[in-house]
Amino acid sequence: MTQTAISKAMTTIAQAEQRLGLSRTEDEQFFLEWQVGLPELSQVDLSELQTMRRRYLYHRTEDYLLEGAVTLLLVSPLLTIAGFYDPPFRMKAETSVQLSPMKF
């Protein structure tokens, strides 16, 4: 039985682009099926999305982009734009847990 292992992991998008010959596309015709039947966005929405996109592309190229950073850069602003912080929606955070050592 032959076993193989990955010895050179890719840990950033920049590494994947370089090693696999990938490139980002700006072609608006790319994945048209994701664009059919959507409502038109306002100029304010388009401007906010462009700002978020620019920030994301800046931060993601050189190093790891961890979950907290993605939440700050993209998720929270998108939820704000979509109105998910306003009624009738309620936000719940994770409950904290405190562990105490037991004495025997």
C-alpha atoms as a PDB file:
ATOM      1  CA  MET A   1       0.000   0.000   0.000  1.00  0.00           C
ATOM      2  CA  THR A   2       1.367   3.390  -0.983  1.00  0.00           C
ATOM      3  CA  GLN A   3       1.021   6.319   1.383  1.00  0.00           C
ATOM      4  CA  THR A   4       1.402   9.920   0.389  1.00  0.00           C
ATOM      5  CA  ALA A   5       1.557  13.010   2.530  1.00  0.00           C
ATOM      6  CA  ILE A   6       1.264  16.681   1.866  1.00  0.00           C
ATOM      7  CA  SER A   7       4.616  18.138   2.744  1.00  0.00           C
ATOM      8  CA  LYS A   8       4.258  21.682   1.452  1.00  0.00           C
ATOM      9  CA  ALA A   9       1.015  23.172   2.709  1.00  0.00           C
ATOM     10  CA  MET A  10      -0.418  26.342   1.245  1.00  0.00           C
ATOM     11  CA  THR A  11      -1.469  28.613   4.060  1.00  0.00           C
ATOM     12  CA  THR A  12      -2.440  31.803   2.240  1.00  0.00           C
ATOM     13  CA  ILE A  13      -4.429  32.672  -0.851  1.00  0.00           C
ATOM     14  CA  ALA A  14      -1.331  34.364  -2.261  1.00  0.00           C
ATOM     15  CA  GLN A  15       0.556  31.051  -2.054  1.00  0.00           C
ATOM     16  CA  ALA A  16      -2.291  29.187  -3.761  1.00  0.00           C
ATOM     17  CA  GLU A  17      -2.413  31.765  -6.538  1.00  0.00           C
ATOM     18  CA  GLN A  18       1.337  31.502  -7.068  1.00  0.00           C
ATOM     19  CA  ARG A  19       1.697  27.711  -6.874  1.00  0.00           C
ATOM     20  CA  LEU A  20      -1.458  26.816  -8.802  1.00  0.00           C
ATOM     21  CA  GLY A  21      -1.334  29.621 -11.343  1.00  0.00           C
ATOM     22  CA  LEU A  22      -4.647  31.083 -10.186  1.00  0.00           C
ATOM     23  CA  SER A  23      -5.735  34.654 -10.684  1.00  0.00           C
ATOM     24  CA  ARG A  24      -8.636  36.767  -9.518  1.00  0.00           C
ATOM     25  CA  THR A  25     -11.093  37.790 -12.196  1.00  0.00           C
ATOM     26  CA  GLU A  26     -12.957  41.058 -12.496  1.00  0.00           C
ATOM     27  CA  ASP A  27     -15.172  39.667 -15.284  1.00  0.00           C
ATOM     28  CA  GLU A  28     -18.781  40.525 -14.456  1.00  0.00           C
ATOM     29  CA  GLN A  29     -19.944  37.641 -16.675  1.00  0.00           C
ATOM     30  CA  PHE A  30     -18.249  35.102 -14.395  1.00  0.00           C
ATOM     31  CA  PHE A  31     -20.860  32.895 -12.639  1.00  0.00           C
ATOM     32  CA  LEU A  32     -23.891  34.564 -14.175  1.00  0.00           C
ATOM     33  CA  GLU A  33     -26.211  32.085 -12.436  1.00  0.00           C
ATOM     34  CA  TRP A  34     -25.443  33.891  -9.155  1.00  0.00           C
ATOM     35  CA  GLN A  35     -26.676  37.182 -10.588  1.00  0.00           C
ATOM     36  CA  VAL A  36     -30.021  36.311 -12.163  1.00  0.00           C
ATOM     37  CA  GLY A  37     -33.201  37.638 -10.546  1.00  0.00           C
ATOM     38  CA  LEU A  38     -31.539  39.779  -7.895  1.00  0.00           C
ATOM     39  CA  PRO A  39     -32.836  43.215  -6.887  1.00  0.00           C
ATOM     40  CA  GLU A  40     -30.885  46.278  -7.974  1.00  0.00           C
ATOM     41  CA  LEU A  41     -28.477  47.717  -5.405  1.00  0.00           C
ATOM     42  CA  SER A  42     -28.458  51.405  -4.533  1.00  0.00           C
ATOM     43  CA  GLN A  43     -25.353  53.531  -5.123  1.00  0.00           C
ATOM     44  CA  VAL A  44     -24.826  53.670  -1.334  1.00  0.00           C
ATOM     45  CA  ASP A  45     -24.930  49.857  -1.111  1.00  0.00           C
ATOM     46  CA  LEU A  46     -22.546  49.511  -4.062  1.00  0.00           C
ATOM     47  CA  SER A  47     -20.144  51.989  -2.490  1.00  0.00           C
ATOM     48  CA  GLU A  48     -20.191  50.166   0.865  1.00  0.00           C
ATOM     49  CA  LEU A  49     -19.670  46.794  -0.824  1.00  0.00           C
ATOM     50  CA  GLN A  50     -16.755  48.169  -2.861  1.00  0.00           C
ATOM     51  CA  THR A  51     -15.134  49.492   0.332  1.00  0.00           C
ATOM     52  CA  MET A  52     -15.560  46.114   2.036  1.00  0.00           C
ATOM     53  CA  ARG A  53     -14.147  44.326  -1.009  1.00  0.00           C
ATOM     54  CA  ARG A  54     -11.109  46.620  -1.121  1.00  0.00           C
ATOM     55  CA  ARG A  55     -10.435  46.070   2.599  1.00  0.00           C
ATOM     56  CA  TYR A  56     -10.802  42.299   2.281  1.00  0.00           C
ATOM     57  CA  LEU A  57      -8.425  42.086  -0.691  1.00  0.00           C
ATOM     58  CA  TYR A  58      -5.876  44.241   1.114  1.00  0.00           C
ATOM     59  CA  HIS A  59      -5.911  42.147   4.300  1.00  0.00           C
ATOM     60  CA  ARG A  60      -6.078  38.679   2.758  1.00  0.00           C
ATOM     61  CA  THR A  61      -3.055  38.696   0.480  1.00  0.00           C
ATOM     62  CA  GLU A  62      -0.081  38.515   2.797  1.00  0.00           C
ATOM     63  CA  ASP A  63      -1.019  36.442   5.813  1.00  0.00           C
ATOM     64  CA  TYR A  64      -3.701  34.351   7.442  1.00  0.00           C
ATOM     65  CA  LEU A  65      -7.155  35.876   7.583  1.00  0.00           C
ATOM     66  CA  LEU A  66      -8.705  34.306  10.648  1.00  0.00           C
ATOM     67  CA  GLU A  67     -12.387  34.056  11.538  1.00  0.00           C
ATOM     68  CA  GLY A  68     -12.406  37.126  13.769  1.00  0.00           C
ATOM     69  CA  ALA A  69     -10.886  39.282  11.052  1.00  0.00           C
ATOM     70  CA  VAL A  70     -13.409  38.049   8.463  1.00  0.00           C
ATOM     71  CA  THR A  71     -16.211  38.823  10.908  1.00  0.00           C
ATOM     72  CA  LEU A  72     -14.921  42.359  11.424  1.00  0.00           C
ATOM     73  CA  LEU A  73     -14.195  43.032   7.761  1.00  0.00           C
ATOM     74  CA  LEU A  74     -17.176  41.376   6.071  1.00  0.00           C
ATOM     75  CA  VAL A  75     -19.819  39.625   8.135  1.00  0.00           C
ATOM     76  CA  SER A  76     -20.713  42.380  10.583  1.00  0.00           C
ATOM     77  CA  PRO A  77     -20.915  45.129   7.919  1.00  0.00           C
ATOM     78  CA  LEU A  78     -23.027  42.874   5.656  1.00  0.00           C
ATOM     79  CA  LEU A  79     -25.416  42.106   8.517  1.00  0.00           C
ATOM     80  CA  THR A  80     -25.696  45.854   9.183  1.00  0.00           C
ATOM     81  CA  ILE A  81     -26.443  46.645   5.537  1.00  0.00           C
ATOM     82  CA  ALA A  82     -29.031  43.847   5.418  1.00  0.00           C
ATOM     83  CA  GLY A  83     -30.735  45.124   8.578  1.00  0.00           C
ATOM     84  CA  PHE A  84     -30.210  41.976  10.641  1.00  0.00           C
ATOM     85  CA  TYR A  85     -29.301  43.955  13.782  1.00  0.00           C
ATOM     86  CA  ASP A  86     -32.685  45.715  13.737  1.00  0.00           C
ATOM     87  CA  PRO A  87     -36.149  44.464  14.834  1.00  0.00           C
ATOM     88  CA  PRO A  88     -37.582  41.905  14.478  1.00  0.00           C
ATOM     89  CA  PHE A  89     -34.172  40.202  14.652  1.00  0.00           C
ATOM     90  CA  ARG A  90     -32.289  39.642  17.898  1.00  0.00           C
ATOM     91  CA  MET A  91     -28.636  38.893  18.276  1.00  0.00           C
ATOM     92  CA  LYS A  92     -27.351  36.312  20.742  1.00  0.00           C
ATOM     93  CA  ALA A  93     -23.725  35.834  21.657  1.00  0.00           C
ATOM     94  CA  GLU A  94     -22.110  32.694  22.931  1.00  0.00           C
ATOM     95  CA  THR A  95     -22.550  32.194  26.648  1.00  0.00           C
ATOM     96  CA  SER A  96     -19.381  32.264  28.670  1.00  0.00           C
ATOM     97  CA  VAL A  97     -18.252  29.278  30.680  1.00  0.00           C
ATOM     98  CA  GLN A  98     -16.072  29.459  33.743  1.00  0.00           C
ATOM     99  CA  LEU A  99     -14.188  26.404  34.934  1.00  0.00           C
ATOM    100  CA  SER A 100     -13.012  26.140  38.524  1.00  0.00           C
ATOM    101  CA  PRO A 101     -10.719  23.430  39.821  1.00  0.00           C
ATOM    102  CA  MET A 102     -12.331  21.073  42.307  1.00  0.00           C
ATOM    103  CA  LYS A 103     -10.745  20.536  45.702  1.00  0.00           C
ATOM    104  CA  PHE A 104     -10.621  16.976  46.969  1.00  0.00           C
END
